[in-house]
């Protein structure tokens, strides 16, 4: 069964979701009805394999490290923000490197 969940972007532009099915995907990135930067993920919970997903927001022109996968972009005039994801065992290792 598929479900859609909303997650808030932290003030540092980073986020971690534990236990999402491996075939999950971001379907929307933008502001919610309260103006908070958020992303919505579609997940199929019939899939038993789960992963730890790390998310990070990058500004236009900002360097993006190896291994990040593009998800969505969001225009927040005058800025454009770009959401990337990575599947890791330990997201903290990624952010501290």
N, C-alpha and C. Protein backbone atom coordinates (compact mmCIF):
# COMPACT_ATOMS: atom_id res chain seq x y z
N UNK A 1 0.84 -1.17 0.00
CA UNK A 1 0.00 0.00 0.00
C UNK A 1 0.89 1.24 0.00
N UNK A 2 0.61 2.18 -0.89
CA UNK A 2 1.36 3.42 -0.96
C UNK A 2 0.74 4.45 -0.04
N UNK A 3 1.62 5.27 0.55
CA UNK A 3 1.19 6.40 1.38
C UNK A 3 2.11 7.57 1.08
N UNK A 4 1.61 8.77 1.33
CA UNK A 4 2.41 9.98 1.17
C UNK A 4 2.58 10.62 2.53
N UNK A 5 3.83 10.97 2.86
CA UNK A 5 4.15 11.62 4.13
C UNK A 5 4.88 12.92 3.86
N UNK A 6 4.65 13.90 4.74
CA UNK A 6 5.33 15.19 4.64
C UNK A 6 6.43 15.25 5.69
N UNK A 7 7.59 15.80 5.29
CA UNK A 7 8.71 16.00 6.20
C UNK A 7 9.18 17.44 6.09
N UNK A 8 9.52 18.03 7.22
CA UNK A 8 10.02 19.41 7.25
C UNK A 8 11.52 19.43 7.03
N UNK A 9 11.98 20.45 6.32
CA UNK A 9 13.41 20.70 6.17
C UNK A 9 13.87 21.41 7.44
N UNK A 10 14.94 20.94 8.03
CA UNK A 10 15.49 21.57 9.22
C UNK A 10 16.13 22.91 8.85
N UNK A 11 16.38 23.75 9.83
CA UNK A 11 16.98 25.07 9.59
C UNK A 11 18.33 25.00 8.91
N UNK A 12 19.06 23.89 9.11
CA UNK A 12 20.37 23.74 8.47
C UNK A 12 20.26 23.16 7.06
N UNK A 13 19.03 22.91 6.59
CA UNK A 13 18.83 22.39 5.24
C UNK A 13 19.03 20.91 5.11
N UNK A 14 19.09 20.18 6.24
CA UNK A 14 19.37 18.75 6.21
C UNK A 14 18.24 17.98 6.86
N UNK A 15 18.16 16.72 6.52
CA UNK A 15 17.15 15.87 7.14
C UNK A 15 17.49 14.40 6.95
N UNK A 16 17.00 13.58 7.84
CA UNK A 16 17.22 12.14 7.78
C UNK A 16 15.89 11.44 8.03
N UNK A 17 15.60 10.43 7.23
CA UNK A 17 14.41 9.61 7.44
C UNK A 17 14.88 8.17 7.56
N UNK A 18 14.57 7.53 8.66
CA UNK A 18 14.94 6.13 8.88
C UNK A 18 13.76 5.23 8.53
N UNK A 19 14.04 4.08 7.95
CA UNK A 19 13.02 3.06 7.76
C UNK A 19 12.04 3.29 6.62
N UNK A 20 12.43 4.07 5.62
CA UNK A 20 11.57 4.21 4.44
C UNK A 20 11.81 3.04 3.50
N UNK A 21 10.76 2.57 2.83
CA UNK A 21 10.97 1.52 1.83
C UNK A 21 11.97 1.97 0.77
N UNK A 22 12.72 1.01 0.26
CA UNK A 22 13.82 1.33 -0.65
C UNK A 22 13.34 1.97 -1.96
N UNK A 23 12.08 1.80 -2.33
CA UNK A 23 11.59 2.38 -3.58
C UNK A 23 10.84 3.70 -3.36
N UNK A 24 11.05 4.34 -2.23
CA UNK A 24 10.39 5.62 -1.94
C UNK A 24 10.90 6.71 -2.88
N UNK A 25 10.02 7.72 -3.10
CA UNK A 25 10.44 8.82 -3.97
C UNK A 25 9.81 10.12 -3.52
N UNK A 26 10.55 11.21 -3.72
CA UNK A 26 10.04 12.55 -3.42
C UNK A 26 9.09 12.95 -4.54
N UNK A 27 7.88 13.38 -4.17
CA UNK A 27 6.91 13.78 -5.19
C UNK A 27 6.68 15.28 -5.21
N UNK A 28 7.09 15.99 -4.13
CA UNK A 28 6.92 17.44 -4.09
C UNK A 28 7.92 18.03 -3.11
N UNK A 29 8.43 19.21 -3.46
CA UNK A 29 9.35 19.97 -2.62
C UNK A 29 8.92 21.41 -2.69
N UNK A 30 8.61 22.03 -1.54
CA UNK A 30 8.16 23.41 -1.53
C UNK A 30 7.74 23.84 -0.14
N UNK A 31 6.92 24.86 -0.06
CA UNK A 31 6.44 25.35 1.24
C UNK A 31 5.06 24.76 1.53
N UNK A 32 4.84 24.39 2.80
CA UNK A 32 3.53 23.89 3.20
C UNK A 32 2.60 25.07 3.48
N UNK A 33 1.40 24.79 3.96
CA UNK A 33 0.41 25.86 4.17
C UNK A 33 0.79 26.82 5.29
N UNK A 34 1.83 26.51 6.05
CA UNK A 34 2.33 27.41 7.09
C UNK A 34 3.62 28.11 6.67
N UNK A 35 4.03 27.92 5.43
CA UNK A 35 5.22 28.57 4.91
C UNK A 35 6.52 27.87 5.24
N UNK A 36 6.46 26.65 5.77
CA UNK A 36 7.67 25.90 6.14
C UNK A 36 8.17 25.09 4.95
N UNK A 37 9.48 25.14 4.72
CA UNK A 37 10.07 24.37 3.64
C UNK A 37 9.93 22.88 3.96
N UNK A 38 9.32 22.14 3.03
CA UNK A 38 8.96 20.74 3.28
C UNK A 38 9.15 19.92 2.01
N UNK A 39 9.12 18.59 2.18
CA UNK A 39 9.09 17.70 1.03
C UNK A 39 8.14 16.55 1.36
N UNK A 40 7.48 16.06 0.31
CA UNK A 40 6.51 14.99 0.44
C UNK A 40 7.07 13.75 -0.24
N UNK A 41 6.98 12.62 0.46
CA UNK A 41 7.56 11.37 -0.02
C UNK A 41 6.46 10.34 -0.19
N UNK A 42 6.45 9.69 -1.35
CA UNK A 42 5.55 8.56 -1.59
C UNK A 42 6.32 7.28 -1.26
N UNK A 43 5.72 6.44 -0.43
CA UNK A 43 6.38 5.20 -0.01
C UNK A 43 5.40 4.04 -0.16
N UNK A 44 5.90 2.92 -0.66
CA UNK A 44 5.11 1.70 -0.79
C UNK A 44 5.50 0.76 0.34
N UNK A 45 4.65 0.65 1.35
CA UNK A 45 4.99 -0.14 2.53
C UNK A 45 4.78 -1.63 2.34
N UNK A 46 4.38 -2.07 1.12
CA UNK A 46 4.37 -3.50 0.81
C UNK A 46 5.79 -4.00 0.58
N UNK A 47 6.71 -3.08 0.29
CA UNK A 47 8.12 -3.42 0.11
C UNK A 47 8.77 -3.54 1.49
N UNK A 48 9.38 -4.68 1.75
CA UNK A 48 9.93 -4.93 3.09
C UNK A 48 11.31 -4.31 3.31
N UNK A 49 12.10 -4.16 2.25
CA UNK A 49 13.45 -3.60 2.40
C UNK A 49 13.36 -2.12 2.70
N UNK A 50 13.94 -1.68 3.81
CA UNK A 50 13.93 -0.27 4.16
C UNK A 50 15.35 0.27 4.19
N UNK A 51 15.46 1.58 4.02
CA UNK A 51 16.75 2.25 3.97
C UNK A 51 16.70 3.51 4.82
N UNK A 52 17.88 4.05 5.11
CA UNK A 52 17.99 5.34 5.77
C UNK A 52 18.29 6.37 4.68
N UNK A 53 17.40 7.32 4.51
CA UNK A 53 17.56 8.36 3.50
C UNK A 53 18.03 9.65 4.15
N UNK A 54 19.03 10.28 3.56
CA UNK A 54 19.51 11.59 3.99
C UNK A 54 19.10 12.59 2.90
N UNK A 55 18.65 13.75 3.33
CA UNK A 55 18.25 14.80 2.39
C UNK A 55 19.02 16.06 2.72
N UNK A 56 19.34 16.82 1.67
CA UNK A 56 19.99 18.10 1.89
C UNK A 56 19.54 19.07 0.80
N UNK A 57 19.37 20.33 1.20
CA UNK A 57 18.98 21.39 0.28
C UNK A 57 20.23 22.18 -0.11
N UNK A 58 20.39 22.39 -1.40
CA UNK A 58 21.51 23.16 -1.94
C UNK A 58 20.97 24.38 -2.67
N UNK A 59 21.68 25.48 -2.57
CA UNK A 59 21.34 26.69 -3.31
C UNK A 59 21.93 26.60 -4.71
N UNK A 60 21.39 27.35 -5.64
CA UNK A 60 21.96 27.42 -6.99
C UNK A 60 23.40 27.90 -6.88
N UNK A 61 24.30 27.20 -7.55
CA UNK A 61 25.71 27.56 -7.54
C UNK A 61 26.51 26.94 -6.41
N UNK A 62 25.85 26.33 -5.44
CA UNK A 62 26.55 25.69 -4.32
C UNK A 62 27.11 24.34 -4.76
N UNK A 63 28.29 24.00 -4.26
CA UNK A 63 28.92 22.72 -4.60
C UNK A 63 28.14 21.56 -4.00
N UNK A 64 27.92 20.53 -4.82
CA UNK A 64 27.20 19.33 -4.41
C UNK A 64 28.20 18.17 -4.41
N UNK A 65 28.37 17.54 -3.28
CA UNK A 65 29.35 16.46 -3.14
C UNK A 65 28.96 15.21 -3.92
N UNK A 66 29.86 14.27 -3.97
CA UNK A 66 29.64 13.00 -4.66
C UNK A 66 28.54 12.19 -3.99
N UNK A 67 27.81 11.47 -4.80
CA UNK A 67 26.83 10.52 -4.27
C UNK A 67 25.44 11.07 -4.02
N UNK A 68 25.25 12.38 -4.15
CA UNK A 68 23.91 12.96 -3.94
C UNK A 68 23.10 12.80 -5.22
N UNK A 69 21.81 12.47 -5.08
CA UNK A 69 20.90 12.28 -6.20
C UNK A 69 19.86 13.40 -6.22
N UNK A 70 19.70 14.02 -7.37
CA UNK A 70 18.74 15.12 -7.50
C UNK A 70 17.32 14.59 -7.31
N UNK A 71 16.51 15.36 -6.57
CA UNK A 71 15.11 15.01 -6.35
C UNK A 71 14.17 16.04 -6.99
N UNK A 72 14.24 17.29 -6.53
CA UNK A 72 13.33 18.33 -7.01
C UNK A 72 13.96 19.70 -6.77
N UNK A 73 13.44 20.71 -7.47
CA UNK A 73 13.83 22.10 -7.23
C UNK A 73 12.59 22.89 -6.87
N UNK A 74 12.82 24.02 -6.20
CA UNK A 74 11.72 24.86 -5.72
C UNK A 74 12.11 26.31 -5.88
N UNK A 75 11.27 27.09 -6.57
CA UNK A 75 11.51 28.52 -6.75
C UNK A 75 10.88 29.26 -5.59
N UNK A 76 11.72 30.00 -4.87
CA UNK A 76 11.31 30.80 -3.72
C UNK A 76 11.92 32.18 -3.94
N UNK A 77 11.33 32.92 -4.90
CA UNK A 77 11.92 34.17 -5.39
C UNK A 77 12.50 35.03 -4.28
N UNK A 78 13.72 35.49 -4.47
CA UNK A 78 14.54 35.41 -5.68
C UNK A 78 15.46 34.18 -5.72
N UNK A 79 15.25 33.21 -4.86
CA UNK A 79 16.14 32.05 -4.77
C UNK A 79 15.52 30.81 -5.43
N UNK A 80 16.38 29.87 -5.79
CA UNK A 80 15.95 28.55 -6.23
C UNK A 80 16.70 27.54 -5.38
N UNK A 81 15.96 26.66 -4.71
CA UNK A 81 16.53 25.63 -3.83
C UNK A 81 16.41 24.27 -4.51
N UNK A 82 17.38 23.40 -4.26
CA UNK A 82 17.44 22.10 -4.91
C UNK A 82 17.57 21.02 -3.85
N UNK A 83 16.67 20.05 -3.86
CA UNK A 83 16.66 18.96 -2.89
C UNK A 83 17.37 17.75 -3.48
N UNK A 84 18.34 17.24 -2.72
CA UNK A 84 19.09 16.04 -3.11
C UNK A 84 18.96 15.00 -2.01
N UNK A 85 19.11 13.73 -2.40
CA UNK A 85 19.03 12.64 -1.43
C UNK A 85 20.22 11.70 -1.58
N UNK A 86 20.43 10.94 -0.52
CA UNK A 86 21.48 9.92 -0.51
C UNK A 86 20.99 8.81 0.41
N UNK A 87 21.24 7.58 0.03
CA UNK A 87 20.91 6.44 0.89
C UNK A 87 22.19 6.03 1.60
N UNK A 88 22.13 6.05 2.93
CA UNK A 88 23.32 5.74 3.74
C UNK A 88 22.93 4.90 4.95
N UNK A 89 23.91 4.28 5.53
CA UNK A 89 23.71 3.62 6.80
C UNK A 89 23.73 4.63 7.94
N UNK A 90 24.60 5.64 7.80
CA UNK A 90 24.73 6.64 8.86
C UNK A 90 24.85 8.02 8.24
N UNK A 91 23.77 8.78 8.24
CA UNK A 91 23.78 10.10 7.62
C UNK A 91 24.71 11.06 8.32
N UNK A 92 24.87 10.92 9.63
CA UNK A 92 25.74 11.82 10.37
C UNK A 92 27.15 11.77 9.84
N UNK A 93 27.61 10.59 9.38
CA UNK A 93 28.95 10.48 8.80
C UNK A 93 29.06 11.37 7.57
N UNK A 94 28.00 11.44 6.77
CA UNK A 94 28.01 12.26 5.57
C UNK A 94 28.10 13.74 5.92
N UNK A 95 27.33 14.17 6.91
CA UNK A 95 27.30 15.59 7.23
C UNK A 95 28.57 16.05 7.93
N UNK A 96 29.27 15.16 8.59
CA UNK A 96 30.47 15.53 9.32
C UNK A 96 31.73 15.42 8.48
N UNK A 97 31.61 14.96 7.23
CA UNK A 97 32.82 14.80 6.40
C UNK A 97 33.12 16.05 5.61
